[in-house]
Amino acid sequence: MYDYDLLVVGSANADLVIGVERRPGAGETVLGSDLAVHPGGKGANQAVAAARLGARTALLARVGDDDHGRLLLDSQREAGVDTVGVLVGDAPTGVALITVDPSGDNSIVVSPGANGRLTPQDVSAAGCLFQSSKVVSTQLEIPLETVVEVVRNLAPDSRFVLNPSPPRPLPAEVLAACDPLIVNEHEAKVILGDSAVGDTPEDWARILLAKGPRSVVVTLGSEGALVASAEGVLRVASVKVHAVDTTGAGDAFTAALAYRLGAGEPLAEAAAYAARVGAATVTKEGAQASFPTAEEVAELCCADPGDNPRTPGRRSDSDSASGERGGA
């Protein structure tokens, strides 16, 4: 019997967000909105997103003994995440500097801070968390050697989910454990490197599978996602929504996918659900504050893919198509 549906091992950052009319070019200064500070980081985001959906969730991460660290711990506990694995100290809490333009697209620069001090020894010391978790999810905002140690500490029957962001080449040991490896177009091309041939997500997914993962998911933004495994390659659609802010949508997608896989859903069904979770996320500002509950996702599930753009809980006017996008 598992105590947790999902263990997330990863980063916890304070998101410092500024709205801009357009992102600056090299050497250029632009004026933006007032600074907003939100709890974020890919690991912390995934944990909150999963807990909002109803998953029994734990987080293994490191934050600083500072105001940003306390903000992050409070947000995790408020969402219902077990923070027994969150370590405090050794370095300031990580910070992400985020600009968001009027279309909802964002640019992010991360100062890792305490995230860079999450060590393989910290993972080994948390063995009880790994033995108690159906699914373990991680990202690459923590040291790669720590991710390798995560793979080595997996329980025999647990499932490993990796979103390699920010992307870098991965060792064969990590690739072989992924079920699935979740990538967007940019991440796929970085991991493929010289092996990147073909112009379609189907091409990338098949080549990635040949590198060792048990399954691969390629997120396609407003087009949903593509799933690939030994059983074949399949696209799953998303719901069209009015995008306000895409920050955290990929993290919400990954968390939802990991949770539903742990519940026993087939990969394609779990990815379709995750795409709707991502779509619901982009209809609100911020990262963790925008993550939907299971009830809000159910409202979107009443819409067929391709329906008029909407936000959870209401029908949207179809003449605002400039803000349409999905959430994967």
C-alpha atoms as a PDB file:
ATOM      1  CA  MET A   1       0.000   0.000   0.000  1.00  0.00           C
ATOM      2  CA  TYR A   2       1.464   3.318  -1.073  1.00  0.00           C
ATOM      3  CA  ASP A   3       1.190   6.402   1.160  1.00  0.00           C
ATOM      4  CA  TYR A   4       1.600   8.802  -1.779  1.00  0.00           C
ATOM      5  CA  ASP A   5       0.219   8.878  -5.297  1.00  0.00           C
ATOM      6  CA  LEU A   6       3.111  11.111  -6.336  1.00  0.00           C
ATOM      7  CA  LEU A   7       6.519  12.093  -4.985  1.00  0.00           C
ATOM      8  CA  VAL A   8       7.953  15.160  -6.691  1.00  0.00           C
ATOM      9  CA  VAL A   9      11.710  15.683  -6.451  1.00  0.00           C
ATOM     10  CA  GLY A  10      12.756  19.066  -7.742  1.00  0.00           C
ATOM     11  CA  SER A  11      13.080  22.796  -7.502  1.00  0.00           C
ATOM     12  CA  ALA A  12      11.260  25.353  -5.384  1.00  0.00           C
ATOM     13  CA  ASN A  13      11.592  28.989  -6.421  1.00  0.00           C
ATOM     14  CA  ALA A  14      10.086  32.352  -5.706  1.00  0.00           C
ATOM     15  CA  ASP A  15       8.679  33.652  -9.019  1.00  0.00           C
ATOM     16  CA  LEU A  16       9.299  37.372  -9.480  1.00  0.00           C
ATOM     17  CA  VAL A  17       6.872  38.336 -12.241  1.00  0.00           C
ATOM     18  CA  ILE A  18       6.652  41.533 -14.306  1.00  0.00           C
ATOM     19  CA  GLY A  19       4.157  42.151 -17.111  1.00  0.00           C
ATOM     20  CA  VAL A  20       5.606  43.807 -20.225  1.00  0.00           C
ATOM     21  CA  GLU A  21       4.164  45.081 -23.485  1.00  0.00           C
ATOM     22  CA  ARG A  22       7.012  43.271 -25.239  1.00  0.00           C
ATOM     23  CA  ARG A  23      10.116  41.474 -24.111  1.00  0.00           C
ATOM     24  CA  PRO A  24      13.356  43.483 -24.438  1.00  0.00           C
ATOM     25  CA  GLY A  25      15.958  42.814 -27.063  1.00  0.00           C
ATOM     26  CA  ALA A  26      19.694  42.714 -26.405  1.00  0.00           C
ATOM     27  CA  GLY A  27      20.833  45.882 -24.616  1.00  0.00           C
ATOM     28  CA  GLU A  28      17.274  47.229 -24.422  1.00  0.00           C
ATOM     29  CA  THR A  29      15.319  48.401 -21.351  1.00  0.00           C
ATOM     30  CA  VAL A  30      11.520  48.275 -21.244  1.00  0.00           C
ATOM     31  CA  LEU A  31       9.115  49.373 -18.536  1.00  0.00           C
ATOM     32  CA  GLY A  32       6.834  46.829 -16.944  1.00  0.00           C
ATOM     33  CA  SER A  33       4.121  46.395 -14.364  1.00  0.00           C
ATOM     34  CA  ASP A  34       4.544  46.314 -10.594  1.00  0.00           C
ATOM     35  CA  LEU A  35       6.538  43.342  -9.353  1.00  0.00           C
ATOM     36  CA  ALA A  36       4.491  40.359  -8.151  1.00  0.00           C
ATOM     37  CA  VAL A  37       6.025  37.574  -6.044  1.00  0.00           C
ATOM     38  CA  HIS A  38       4.540  34.080  -6.295  1.00  0.00           C
ATOM     39  CA  PRO A  39       5.605  30.609  -5.110  1.00  0.00           C
ATOM     40  CA  GLY A  40       7.000  28.612  -8.027  1.00  0.00           C
ATOM     41  CA  GLY A  41       9.754  26.326  -9.266  1.00  0.00           C
ATOM     42  CA  LYS A  42       9.059  23.260 -11.386  1.00  0.00           C
ATOM     43  CA  GLY A  43       9.150  20.826  -8.487  1.00  0.00           C
ATOM     44  CA  ALA A  44       7.001  22.918  -6.167  1.00  0.00           C
ATOM     45  CA  ASN A  45       4.605  23.686  -9.023  1.00  0.00           C
ATOM     46  CA  GLN A  46       4.118  20.024  -9.879  1.00  0.00           C
ATOM     47  CA  ALA A  47       3.484  19.122  -6.254  1.00  0.00           C
ATOM     48  CA  VAL A  48       0.816  21.814  -5.808  1.00  0.00           C
ATOM     49  CA  ALA A  49      -0.808  21.012  -9.168  1.00  0.00           C
ATOM     50  CA  ALA A  50      -1.114  17.327  -8.282  1.00  0.00           C
ATOM     51  CA  ALA A  51      -2.443  18.020  -4.790  1.00  0.00           C
ATOM     52  CA  ARG A  52      -5.086  20.394  -6.199  1.00  0.00           C
ATOM     53  CA  LEU A  53      -6.312  17.542  -8.385  1.00  0.00           C
ATOM     54  CA  GLY A  54      -6.651  15.303  -5.351  1.00  0.00           C
ATOM     55  CA  ALA A  55      -3.367  13.378  -5.439  1.00  0.00           C
ATOM     56  CA  ARG A  56      -1.687  12.398  -2.188  1.00  0.00           C
ATOM     57  CA  THR A  57       1.545  14.253  -2.836  1.00  0.00           C
ATOM     58  CA  ALA A  58       4.944  14.703  -1.193  1.00  0.00           C
ATOM     59  CA  LEU A  59       7.777  17.063  -2.166  1.00  0.00           C
ATOM     60  CA  LEU A  60      11.522  16.495  -1.799  1.00  0.00           C
ATOM     61  CA  ALA A  61      13.242  19.841  -2.305  1.00  0.00           C
ATOM     62  CA  ARG A  62      15.495  22.411  -0.646  1.00  0.00           C
ATOM     63  CA  VAL A  63      14.700  26.051   0.196  1.00  0.00           C
ATOM     64  CA  GLY A  64      16.528  28.796   2.047  1.00  0.00           C
ATOM     65  CA  ASP A  65      15.856  29.948   5.585  1.00  0.00           C
ATOM     66  CA  ASP A  66      14.352  33.197   4.308  1.00  0.00           C
ATOM     67  CA  ASP A  67      11.059  34.866   3.445  1.00  0.00           C
ATOM     68  CA  HIS A  68      10.898  33.203   0.025  1.00  0.00           C
ATOM     69  CA  GLY A  69      11.424  29.788   1.602  1.00  0.00           C
ATOM     70  CA  ARG A  70       8.632  30.385   4.095  1.00  0.00           C
ATOM     71  CA  LEU A  71       6.352  31.526   1.263  1.00  0.00           C
ATOM     72  CA  LEU A  72       7.021  28.261  -0.560  1.00  0.00           C
ATOM     73  CA  LEU A  73       6.447  26.070   2.476  1.00  0.00           C
ATOM     74  CA  ASP A  74       3.177  27.852   3.247  1.00  0.00           C
ATOM     75  CA  SER A  75       1.923  27.389  -0.320  1.00  0.00           C
ATOM     76  CA  GLN A  76       2.725  23.662  -0.279  1.00  0.00           C
ATOM     77  CA  ARG A  77       0.974  23.066   3.004  1.00  0.00           C
ATOM     78  CA  GLU A  78      -2.053  25.113   1.963  1.00  0.00           C
ATOM     79  CA  ALA A  79      -2.423  22.892  -1.120  1.00  0.00           C
ATOM     80  CA  GLY A  80      -2.199  19.755   1.004  1.00  0.00           C
ATOM     81  CA  VAL A  81       1.326  18.665   0.012  1.00  0.00           C
ATOM     82  CA  ASP A  82       3.342  16.720   2.601  1.00  0.00           C
ATOM     83  CA  THR A  83       6.500  18.809   3.165  1.00  0.00           C
ATOM     84  CA  VAL A  84       8.359  16.298   5.331  1.00  0.00           C
ATOM     85  CA  GLY A  85      10.967  16.054   2.555  1.00  0.00           C
ATOM     86  CA  VAL A  86      11.560  19.812   2.167  1.00  0.00           C
ATOM     87  CA  LEU A  87      15.004  20.682   3.553  1.00  0.00           C
ATOM     88  CA  VAL A  88      15.749  24.208   4.786  1.00  0.00           C
ATOM     89  CA  GLY A  89      19.062  26.044   4.705  1.00  0.00           C
ATOM     90  CA  ASP A  90      22.536  26.024   3.096  1.00  0.00           C
ATOM     91  CA  ALA A  91      21.697  28.710   0.488  1.00  0.00           C
ATOM     92  CA  PRO A  92      19.077  31.337  -0.372  1.00  0.00           C
ATOM     93  CA  THR A  93      15.835  30.110  -1.912  1.00  0.00           C
ATOM     94  CA  GLY A  94      15.948  29.871  -5.704  1.00  0.00           C
ATOM     95  CA  VAL A  95      14.461  32.737  -7.690  1.00  0.00           C
ATOM     96  CA  ALA A  96      12.884  32.853 -11.164  1.00  0.00           C
ATOM     97  CA  LEU A  97      12.730  36.197 -12.978  1.00  0.00           C
ATOM     98  CA  ILE A  98       9.707  36.086 -15.295  1.00  0.00           C
ATOM     99  CA  THR A  99       8.389  38.519 -17.881  1.00  0.00           C
ATOM    100  CA  VAL A 100       4.910  37.979 -19.316  1.00  0.00           C
ATOM    101  CA  ASP A 101       3.702  39.694 -22.502  1.00  0.00           C
ATOM    102  CA  PRO A 102       0.079  40.540 -23.416  1.00  0.00           C
ATOM    103  CA  SER A 103      -0.376  37.242 -25.283  1.00  0.00           C
ATOM    104  CA  GLY A 104       0.441  35.291 -22.130  1.00  0.00           C
ATOM    105  CA  ASP A 105       3.834  34.051 -23.348  1.00  0.00           C
ATOM    106  CA  ASN A 106       6.693  34.270 -20.880  1.00  0.00           C
ATOM    107  CA  SER A 107      10.478  34.356 -20.639  1.00  0.00           C
ATOM    108  CA  ILE A 108      12.200  32.998 -17.531  1.00  0.00           C
ATOM    109  CA  VAL A 109      15.685  33.261 -16.001  1.00  0.00           C
ATOM    110  CA  VAL A 110      16.348  31.101 -12.934  1.00  0.00           C
ATOM    111  CA  SER A 111      18.865  31.612 -10.118  1.00  0.00           C
ATOM    112  CA  PRO A 112      18.996  28.089  -8.602  1.00  0.00           C
ATOM    113  CA  GLY A 113      20.053  29.034  -5.065  1.00  0.00           C
ATOM    114  CA  ALA A 114      19.184  26.219  -2.656  1.00  0.00           C
ATOM    115  CA  ASN A 115      17.969  24.023  -5.532  1.00  0.00           C
ATOM    116  CA  GLY A 116      21.603  23.524  -6.535  1.00  0.00           C
ATOM    117  CA  ARG A 117      22.313  22.122  -3.058  1.00  0.00           C
ATOM    118  CA  LEU A 118      19.781  19.286  -3.320  1.00  0.00           C
ATOM    119  CA  THR A 119      22.308  16.463  -3.341  1.00  0.00           C
ATOM    120  CA  PRO A 120      22.359  12.727  -4.073  1.00  0.00           C
ATOM    121  CA  GLN A 121      22.876  12.271  -0.324  1.00  0.00           C
ATOM    122  CA  ASP A 122      19.599  14.091   0.328  1.00  0.00           C
ATOM    123  CA  VAL A 123      17.876  11.636  -2.016  1.00  0.00           C
ATOM    124  CA  SER A 124      19.439   8.594  -0.367  1.00  0.00           C
ATOM    125  CA  ALA A 125      18.386   9.859   3.055  1.00  0.00           C
ATOM    126  CA  ALA A 126      14.755  10.085   1.882  1.00  0.00           C
ATOM    127  CA  GLY A 127      14.463   6.414   0.954  1.00  0.00           C
ATOM    128  CA  CYS A 128      11.220   6.004   2.892  1.00  0.00           C
ATOM    129  CA  LEU A 129       9.531   8.551   0.633  1.00  0.00           C
ATOM    130  CA  PHE A 130      10.539   6.623  -2.481  1.00  0.00           C
ATOM    131  CA  GLN A 131       9.342   3.323  -1.061  1.00  0.00           C
ATOM    132  CA  SER A 132       5.971   4.930  -0.242  1.00  0.00           C
ATOM    133  CA  SER A 133       5.264   6.491  -3.663  1.00  0.00           C
ATOM    134  CA  LYS A 134       3.482   5.071  -6.730  1.00  0.00           C
ATOM    135  CA  VAL A 135       5.027   7.600  -9.113  1.00  0.00           C
ATOM    136  CA  VAL A 136       8.152   9.759  -8.824  1.00  0.00           C
ATOM    137  CA  SER A 137       8.463  12.887 -10.959  1.00  0.00           C
ATOM    138  CA  THR A 138      11.428  15.183 -11.395  1.00  0.00           C
ATOM    139  CA  GLN A 139      12.897  17.888 -13.653  1.00  0.00           C
ATOM    140  CA  LEU A 140      16.331  19.393 -14.350  1.00  0.00           C
ATOM    141  CA  GLU A 141      16.297  22.523 -12.179  1.00  0.00           C
ATOM    142  CA  ILE A 142      18.250  20.404  -9.677  1.00  0.00           C
ATOM    143  CA  PRO A 143      21.705  18.846 -10.250  1.00  0.00           C
ATOM    144  CA  LEU A 144      21.791  16.037 -12.804  1.00  0.00           C
ATOM    145  CA  GLU A 145      23.669  13.768 -10.403  1.00  0.00           C
ATOM    146  CA  THR A 146      20.734  14.147  -8.014  1.00  0.00           C
ATOM    147  CA  VAL A 147      18.329  13.038 -10.756  1.00  0.00           C
ATOM    148  CA  VAL A 148      20.519   9.990 -11.370  1.00  0.00           C
ATOM    149  CA  GLU A 149      20.282   9.151  -7.661  1.00  0.00           C
ATOM    150  CA  VAL A 150      16.491   9.492  -7.855  1.00  0.00           C
ATOM    151  CA  VAL A 151      16.461   6.769 -10.520  1.00  0.00           C
ATOM    152  CA  ARG A 152      18.637   4.539  -8.345  1.00  0.00           C
ATOM    153  CA  ASN A 153      16.285   4.918  -5.371  1.00  0.00           C
ATOM    154  CA  LEU A 154      13.017   4.087  -7.137  1.00  0.00           C
ATOM    155  CA  ALA A 155      10.881   1.394  -5.538  1.00  0.00           C
ATOM    156  CA  PRO A 156      10.639  -1.783  -7.677  1.00  0.00           C
ATOM    157  CA  ASP A 157       7.039  -1.153  -8.795  1.00  0.00           C
ATOM    158  CA  SER A 158       7.032   2.651  -8.968  1.00  0.00           C
ATOM    159  CA  ARG A 159       6.941   4.698 -12.171  1.00  0.00           C
ATOM    160  CA  PHE A 160       9.440   7.452 -13.100  1.00  0.00           C
ATOM    161  CA  VAL A 161       8.341  10.585 -14.965  1.00  0.00           C
ATOM    162  CA  LEU A 162      10.879  13.148 -16.195  1.00  0.00           C
ATOM    163  CA  ASN A 163      10.400  16.573 -17.746  1.00  0.00           C
ATOM    164  CA  PRO A 164      13.978  17.494 -18.786  1.00  0.00           C
ATOM    165  CA  SER A 165      13.651  21.246 -18.329  1.00  0.00           C
ATOM    166  CA  PRO A 166      15.915  23.108 -18.727  1.00  0.00           C
ATOM    167  CA  PRO A 167      17.065  20.537 -21.286  1.00  0.00           C
ATOM    168  CA  ARG A 168      20.486  18.922 -21.456  1.00  0.00           C
ATOM    169  CA  PRO A 169      21.836  15.600 -22.714  1.00  0.00           C
ATOM    170  CA  LEU A 170      20.774  12.747 -20.446  1.00  0.00           C
ATOM    171  CA  PRO A 171      22.691   9.635 -19.372  1.00  0.00           C
ATOM    172  CA  ALA A 172      21.401   6.290 -20.609  1.00  0.00           C
ATOM    173  CA  GLU A 173      20.539   5.225 -17.051  1.00  0.00           C
ATOM    174  CA  VAL A 174      18.068   8.092 -16.691  1.00  0.00           C
ATOM    175  CA  LEU A 175      16.571   7.711 -20.175  1.00  0.00           C
ATOM    176  CA  ALA A 176      15.954   4.004 -19.620  1.00  0.00           C
ATOM    177  CA  ALA A 177      13.920   4.718 -16.474  1.00  0.00           C
ATOM    178  CA  CYS A 178      11.598   7.316 -18.039  1.00  0.00           C
ATOM    179  CA  ASP A 179       7.976   6.218 -18.396  1.00  0.00           C
ATOM    180  CA  PRO A 180       7.331   8.712 -19.859  1.00  0.00           C
ATOM    181  CA  LEU A 181       9.921  11.280 -20.867  1.00  0.00           C
ATOM    182  CA  ILE A 182       7.894  14.505 -21.328  1.00  0.00           C
ATOM    183  CA  VAL A 183       9.334  17.112 -23.720  1.00  0.00           C
ATOM    184  CA  ASN A 184       8.284  20.107 -25.753  1.00  0.00           C
ATOM    185  CA  GLU A 185       9.786  20.819 -29.183  1.00  0.00           C
ATOM    186  CA  HIS A 186      12.824  22.678 -27.831  1.00  0.00           C
ATOM    187  CA  GLU A 187      13.581  20.049 -25.191  1.00  0.00           C
ATOM    188  CA  ALA A 188      13.222  17.230 -27.707  1.00  0.00           C
ATOM    189  CA  LYS A 189      15.732  18.807 -30.089  1.00  0.00           C
ATOM    190  CA  VAL A 190      18.297  19.455 -27.328  1.00  0.00           C
ATOM    191  CA  ILE A 191      18.123  15.870 -26.076  1.00  0.00           C
ATOM    192  CA  LEU A 192      18.247  14.452 -29.596  1.00  0.00           C
ATOM    193  CA  GLY A 193      21.228  16.619 -30.541  1.00  0.00           C
ATOM    194  CA  ASP A 194      22.781  15.336 -33.758  1.00  0.00           C
ATOM    195  CA  SER A 195      20.127  12.613 -33.849  1.00  0.00           C
ATOM    196  CA  ALA A 196      17.406  15.206 -34.492  1.00  0.00           C
ATOM    197  CA  VAL A 197      16.086  14.366 -37.944  1.00  0.00           C
ATOM    198  CA  GLY A 198      12.653  14.944 -39.373  1.00  0.00           C
ATOM    199  CA  ASP A 199      10.311  17.885 -38.951  1.00  0.00           C
ATOM    200  CA  THR A 200       7.380  16.379 -37.085  1.00  0.00           C
ATOM    201  CA  PRO A 201       6.756  15.501 -33.423  1.00  0.00           C
ATOM    202  CA  GLU A 202       6.156  11.929 -34.565  1.00  0.00           C
ATOM    203  CA  ASP A 203       9.723  11.827 -35.927  1.00  0.00           C
ATOM    204  CA  TRP A 204      11.199  13.207 -32.690  1.00  0.00           C
ATOM    205  CA  ALA A 205       9.182  10.841 -30.526  1.00  0.00           C
ATOM    206  CA  ARG A 206      10.250   7.734 -32.455  1.00  0.00           C
ATOM    207  CA  ILE A 207      13.936   8.705 -32.280  1.00  0.00           C
ATOM    208  CA  LEU A 208      13.654   9.514 -28.590  1.00  0.00           C
ATOM    209  CA  LEU A 209      12.077   6.110 -27.962  1.00  0.00           C
ATOM    210  CA  ALA A 210      15.043   4.488 -29.675  1.00  0.00           C
ATOM    211  CA  LYS A 211      17.310   6.135 -27.093  1.00  0.00           C
ATOM    212  CA  GLY A 212      15.791   4.097 -24.280  1.00  0.00           C
ATOM    213  CA  PRO A 213      12.694   5.613 -22.612  1.00  0.00           C
ATOM    214  CA  ARG A 214       9.779   3.251 -22.094  1.00  0.00           C
ATOM    215  CA  SER A 215       7.428   5.960 -23.379  1.00  0.00           C
ATOM    216  CA  VAL A 216       7.594   9.538 -24.641  1.00  0.00           C
ATOM    217  CA  VAL A 217       5.134  12.438 -24.532  1.00  0.00           C
ATOM    218  CA  VAL A 218       5.673  15.507 -26.727  1.00  0.00           C
ATOM    219  CA  THR A 219       3.622  18.527 -25.647  1.00  0.00           C
ATOM    220  CA  LEU A 220       2.208  20.573 -28.522  1.00  0.00           C
ATOM    221  CA  GLY A 221       0.737  23.685 -26.893  1.00  0.00           C
ATOM    222  CA  SER A 222      -2.675  24.487 -28.330  1.00  0.00           C
ATOM    223  CA  GLU A 223      -2.596  21.239 -30.325  1.00  0.00           C
ATOM    224  CA  GLY A 224      -2.539  19.036 -27.207  1.00  0.00           C
ATOM    225  CA  ALA A 225       0.125  16.334 -27.037  1.00  0.00           C
ATOM    226  CA  LEU A 226       1.592  13.306 -28.750  1.00  0.00           C
ATOM    227  CA  VAL A 227       2.231  10.014 -26.950  1.00  0.00           C
ATOM    228  CA  ALA A 228       4.595   7.310 -28.121  1.00  0.00           C
ATOM    229  CA  SER A 229       5.397   3.856 -26.783  1.00  0.00           C
ATOM    230  CA  ALA A 230       5.991   0.338 -28.050  1.00  0.00           C
ATOM    231  CA  GLU A 231       2.265   0.250 -28.839  1.00  0.00           C
ATOM    232  CA  GLY A 232       2.533   3.102 -31.356  1.00  0.00           C
ATOM    233  CA  VAL A 233       2.263   6.887 -31.718  1.00  0.00           C
ATOM    234  CA  LEU A 234      -0.944   8.825 -31.102  1.00  0.00           C
ATOM    235  CA  ARG A 235      -1.964  12.485 -30.874  1.00  0.00           C
ATOM    236  CA  VAL A 236      -4.393  13.690 -28.214  1.00  0.00           C
ATOM    237  CA  ALA A 237      -6.265  16.991 -28.558  1.00  0.00           C
ATOM    238  CA  SER A 238      -6.704  19.794 -26.052  1.00  0.00           C
ATOM    239  CA  VAL A 239      -9.477  22.325 -25.455  1.00  0.00           C
ATOM    240  CA  LYS A 240      -9.202  25.840 -26.882  1.00  0.00           C
ATOM    241  CA  VAL A 241      -9.167  28.497 -24.166  1.00  0.00           C
ATOM    242  CA  HIS A 242      -8.410  32.205 -23.772  1.00  0.00           C
ATOM    243  CA  ALA A 243      -4.791  32.313 -22.572  1.00  0.00           C
ATOM    244  CA  VAL A 244      -3.920  34.845 -19.880  1.00  0.00           C
ATOM    245  CA  ASP A 245      -0.549  33.512 -18.691  1.00  0.00           C
ATOM    246  CA  THR A 246       1.221  30.303 -19.748  1.00  0.00           C
ATOM    247  CA  THR A 247       3.496  30.227 -16.676  1.00  0.00           C
ATOM    248  CA  GLY A 248       3.302  26.811 -15.011  1.00  0.00           C
ATOM    249  CA  ALA A 249       1.166  25.147 -17.679  1.00  0.00           C
ATOM    250  CA  GLY A 250       3.825  22.576 -18.500  1.00  0.00           C
ATOM    251  CA  ASP A 251       4.259  21.766 -14.821  1.00  0.00           C
ATOM    252  CA  ALA A 252       0.507  21.303 -14.414  1.00  0.00           C
ATOM    253  CA  PHE A 253       0.481  19.004 -17.448  1.00  0.00           C
ATOM    254  CA  THR A 254       3.302  16.866 -16.066  1.00  0.00           C
ATOM    255  CA  ALA A 255       1.738  16.635 -12.603  1.00  0.00           C
ATOM    256  CA  ALA A 256      -1.654  15.644 -13.967  1.00  0.00           C
ATOM    257  CA  LEU A 257      -0.143  13.042 -16.286  1.00  0.00           C
ATOM    258  CA  ALA A 258       1.940  11.499 -13.493  1.00  0.00           C
ATOM    259  CA  TYR A 259      -1.046  11.385 -11.146  1.00  0.00           C
ATOM    260  CA  ARG A 260      -3.368   9.718 -13.663  1.00  0.00           C
ATOM    261  CA  LEU A 261      -0.718   7.191 -14.678  1.00  0.00           C
ATOM    262  CA  GLY A 262      -0.353   6.246 -11.030  1.00  0.00           C
ATOM    263  CA  ALA A 263      -4.113   5.753 -10.903  1.00  0.00           C
ATOM    264  CA  GLY A 264      -3.776   3.144 -13.645  1.00  0.00           C
ATOM    265  CA  GLU A 265      -4.938   5.100 -16.714  1.00  0.00           C
ATOM    266  CA  PRO A 266      -3.429   4.270 -20.116  1.00  0.00           C
ATOM    267  CA  LEU A 267      -0.869   6.781 -21.357  1.00  0.00           C
ATOM    268  CA  ALA A 268      -3.099   8.356 -24.031  1.00  0.00           C
ATOM    269  CA  GLU A 269      -6.022   8.860 -21.626  1.00  0.00           C
ATOM    270  CA  ALA A 270      -3.734  10.328 -18.970  1.00  0.00           C
ATOM    271  CA  ALA A 271      -2.208  12.702 -21.536  1.00  0.00           C
ATOM    272  CA  ALA A 272      -5.639  13.851 -22.733  1.00  0.00           C
ATOM    273  CA  TYR A 273      -6.605  14.662 -19.146  1.00  0.00           C
ATOM    274  CA  ALA A 274      -3.281  16.424 -18.579  1.00  0.00           C
ATOM    275  CA  ALA A 275      -3.822  18.569 -21.689  1.00  0.00           C
ATOM    276  CA  ARG A 276      -7.121  19.789 -20.235  1.00  0.00           C
ATOM    277  CA  VAL A 277      -5.422  20.565 -16.925  1.00  0.00           C
ATOM    278  CA  GLY A 278      -2.817  22.592 -18.803  1.00  0.00           C
ATOM    279  CA  ALA A 279      -5.545  24.400 -20.734  1.00  0.00           C
ATOM    280  CA  ALA A 280      -7.373  25.327 -17.537  1.00  0.00           C
ATOM    281  CA  THR A 281      -4.094  26.615 -16.078  1.00  0.00           C
ATOM    282  CA  VAL A 282      -3.425  29.213 -18.793  1.00  0.00           C
ATOM    283  CA  THR A 283      -6.782  30.927 -18.178  1.00  0.00           C
ATOM    284  CA  LYS A 284      -5.470  32.481 -14.925  1.00  0.00           C
ATOM    285  CA  GLU A 285      -2.423  34.535 -13.967  1.00  0.00           C
ATOM    286  CA  GLY A 286       0.533  33.107 -12.087  1.00  0.00           C
ATOM    287  CA  ALA A 287       1.763  29.568 -11.685  1.00  0.00           C
ATOM    288  CA  GLN A 288       0.495  27.848  -8.547  1.00  0.00           C
ATOM    289  CA  ALA A 289      -2.441  30.234  -8.171  1.00  0.00           C
ATOM    290  CA  SER A 290      -3.674  29.153 -11.610  1.00  0.00           C
ATOM    291  CA  PHE A 291      -3.675  25.395 -11.066  1.00  0.00           C
ATOM    292  CA  PRO A 292      -7.200  23.981 -11.330  1.00  0.00           C
ATOM    293  CA  THR A 293      -9.084  21.645  -9.053  1.00  0.00           C
ATOM    294  CA  ALA A 294     -10.496  18.383 -10.361  1.00  0.00           C
ATOM    295  CA  GLU A 295     -13.933  20.042 -10.487  1.00  0.00           C
ATOM    296  CA  GLU A 296     -12.667  22.854 -12.722  1.00  0.00           C
ATOM    297  CA  VAL A 297     -11.066  20.335 -15.060  1.00  0.00           C
ATOM    298  CA  ALA A 298     -14.326  18.413 -15.190  1.00  0.00           C
ATOM    299  CA  GLU A 299     -16.038  21.561 -16.465  1.00  0.00           C
ATOM    300  CA  LEU A 300     -13.562  21.719 -19.337  1.00  0.00           C
ATOM    301  CA  CYS A 301     -14.067  18.001 -19.956  1.00  0.00           C
ATOM    302  CA  CYS A 302     -17.644  18.771 -20.892  1.00  0.00           C
ATOM    303  CA  ALA A 303     -16.292  20.532 -23.995  1.00  0.00           C
ATOM    304  CA  ASP A 304     -15.245  18.699 -27.120  1.00  0.00           C
ATOM    305  CA  PRO A 305     -11.724  19.467 -28.408  1.00  0.00           C
ATOM    306  CA  GLY A 306     -11.932  22.423 -30.765  1.00  0.00           C
ATOM    307  CA  ASP A 307     -15.000  23.987 -29.156  1.00  0.00           C
ATOM    308  CA  ASN A 308     -15.139  27.760 -28.877  1.00  0.00           C
ATOM    309  CA  PRO A 309     -12.502  29.170 -26.518  1.00  0.00           C
ATOM    310  CA  ARG A 310     -13.585  29.266 -22.908  1.00  0.00           C
ATOM    311  CA  THR A 311     -12.477  29.579 -19.343  1.00  0.00           C
ATOM    312  CA  PRO A 312     -13.522  27.012 -16.738  1.00  0.00           C
ATOM    313  CA  GLY A 313     -17.101  27.588 -15.657  1.00  0.00           C
ATOM    314  CA  ARG A 314     -18.334  29.840 -18.441  1.00  0.00           C
ATOM    315  CA  ARG A 315     -18.838  29.963 -22.180  1.00  0.00           C
ATOM    316  CA  SER A 316     -16.520  32.443 -23.892  1.00  0.00           C
ATOM    317  CA  ASP A 317     -17.234  34.720 -26.836  1.00  0.00           C
ATOM    318  CA  SER A 318     -15.780  33.212 -29.954  1.00  0.00           C
ATOM    319  CA  ASP A 319     -14.632  36.523 -31.435  1.00  0.00           C
ATOM    320  CA  SER A 320     -11.545  36.804 -29.202  1.00  0.00           C
ATOM    321  CA  ALA A 321      -9.542  34.254 -31.087  1.00  0.00           C
ATOM    322  CA  SER A 322      -6.247  36.104 -30.653  1.00  0.00           C
ATOM    323  CA  GLY A 323      -6.016  34.721 -27.130  1.00  0.00           C
ATOM    324  CA  GLU A 324      -6.659  31.100 -28.016  1.00  0.00           C
ATOM    325  CA  ARG A 325      -4.248  28.408 -27.020  1.00  0.00           C
ATOM    326  CA  GLY A 326      -4.121  25.131 -25.206  1.00  0.00           C
ATOM    327  CA  GLY A 327      -2.155  24.384 -22.123  1.00  0.00           C
ATOM    328  CA  ALA A 328       0.338  21.660 -22.891  1.00  0.00           C
END
